[in-house]
Amino acid sequence: MLEMFENLPDGWTIYIWLITGVLIILAVIYWIRWAAKNEQFDEDIKYLVFDENDKDKMSPEDFKKSQEVMKAQMKRREEKLAEEAAIKAARKAAK
């Protein structure tokens, strides 16, 4: 095996680097696409750490925004859970 590498012409390692670079770029593109499809770039995520007890620590606008975001997230959570339950029921029925 070592002899095979020694007999290769000069400059072959650049192709290894190029292939590795392309694979890294493809992996990054895939994970960014996955994150975008799975709502990972949500700017309002910062509001989910607050609850009713934090009302006095926030401005009225921020508190209102926090409550709206929490309601929207809970609605989305219920939708996702319903989707997962439907998928599980369909798989169970198919068996």
Protein backbone atom coordinates (compact mmCIF):
# COMPACT_ATOMS: atom_id res chain seq x y z
CA MET A 1 0.00 0.00 0.00
CA LEU A 2 2.79 2.39 0.92
CA GLU A 3 4.52 1.56 -2.36
CA MET A 4 1.39 2.56 -4.29
CA PHE A 5 1.46 6.03 -2.69
CA GLU A 6 5.17 6.42 -3.37
CA ASN A 7 4.66 5.63 -7.07
CA LEU A 8 1.95 8.25 -7.59
CA PRO A 9 3.01 11.34 -9.55
CA ASP A 10 3.66 14.63 -7.77
CA GLY A 11 0.62 16.78 -6.98
CA TRP A 12 -1.87 14.00 -6.28
CA THR A 13 -2.59 15.20 -2.73
CA ILE A 14 -4.36 18.30 -4.04
CA TYR A 15 -7.12 16.03 -5.30
CA ILE A 16 -7.60 14.58 -1.83
CA TRP A 17 -7.91 18.13 -0.45
CA LEU A 18 -10.35 19.11 -3.19
CA ILE A 19 -12.57 16.09 -2.60
CA THR A 20 -12.50 16.67 1.15
CA GLY A 21 -13.39 20.35 0.67
CA VAL A 22 -16.31 19.51 -1.60
CA LEU A 23 -17.62 16.95 0.90
CA ILE A 24 -17.42 19.51 3.72
CA ILE A 25 -19.26 22.13 1.66
CA LEU A 26 -21.98 19.63 0.74
CA ALA A 27 -22.39 18.64 4.39
CA VAL A 28 -22.70 22.28 5.46
CA ILE A 29 -25.30 22.97 2.76
CA TYR A 30 -27.26 19.90 3.84
CA TRP A 31 -27.29 20.90 7.52
CA ILE A 32 -28.23 24.52 6.77
CA ARG A 33 -31.10 23.26 4.62
CA TRP A 34 -32.16 20.88 7.40
CA ALA A 35 -32.06 23.69 9.97
CA ALA A 36 -34.15 25.97 7.76
CA LYS A 37 -36.78 23.27 7.19
CA ASN A 38 -36.96 22.47 10.92
CA GLU A 39 -37.46 26.05 12.11
CA GLN A 40 -34.03 26.40 13.69
CA PHE A 41 -33.56 30.02 12.59
CA ASP A 42 -36.38 31.43 14.70
CA GLU A 43 -35.46 34.91 15.95
CA ASP A 44 -38.25 34.85 18.55
CA ILE A 45 -36.78 31.89 20.41
CA LYS A 46 -35.36 34.27 23.01
CA TYR A 47 -38.87 35.00 24.26
CA LEU A 48 -39.55 31.38 25.19
CA VAL A 49 -37.49 31.58 28.38
CA PHE A 50 -39.91 34.06 29.96
CA ASP A 51 -43.14 33.32 31.77
CA GLU A 52 -45.77 35.17 33.82
CA ASN A 53 -43.33 35.69 36.70
CA ASP A 54 -41.06 37.81 34.50
CA LYS A 55 -43.67 40.45 33.73
CA ASP A 56 -42.13 42.99 36.11
CA LYS A 57 -38.67 42.53 34.54
CA MET A 58 -39.82 43.28 30.98
CA SER A 59 -41.27 46.22 29.14
CA PRO A 60 -44.98 45.86 28.29
CA GLU A 61 -44.14 45.44 24.60
CA ASP A 62 -41.63 42.68 25.29
CA PHE A 63 -44.01 40.91 27.63
CA LYS A 64 -46.79 41.05 25.05
CA LYS A 65 -44.42 39.73 22.38
CA SER A 66 -43.31 36.97 24.76
CA GLN A 67 -46.89 35.86 25.33
CA GLU A 68 -47.66 35.90 21.60
CA VAL A 69 -44.56 33.85 20.81
CA MET A 70 -45.39 31.37 23.57
CA LYS A 71 -48.92 30.89 22.23
CA ALA A 72 -47.64 30.43 18.68
CA GLN A 73 -45.02 27.93 19.82
CA MET A 74 -47.54 25.94 21.85
CA LYS A 75 -49.89 25.86 18.84
CA ARG A 76 -47.04 24.67 16.60
CA ARG A 77 -46.09 22.05 19.22
CA GLU A 78 -49.64 20.70 19.26
CA GLU A 79 -49.65 20.56 15.45
CA LYS A 80 -46.35 18.65 15.41
CA LEU A 81 -47.56 16.20 18.06
CA ALA A 82 -50.76 15.62 16.09
CA GLU A 83 -48.72 14.99 12.92
CA GLU A 84 -46.48 12.51 14.74
CA ALA A 85 -49.50 10.74 16.24
CA ALA A 86 -51.10 10.47 12.78
CA ILE A 87 -47.88 9.04 11.32
CA LYS A 88 -47.60 6.50 14.14
CA ALA A 89 -51.25 5.49 13.69
CA ALA A 90 -50.76 5.09 9.94
CA ARG A 91 -47.66 2.94 10.46
CA LYS A 92 -49.46 0.84 13.04
CA ALA A 93 -52.44 0.37 10.69
CA ALA A 94 -50.11 -0.61 7.84
CA LYS A 95 -48.58 -3.45 9.87
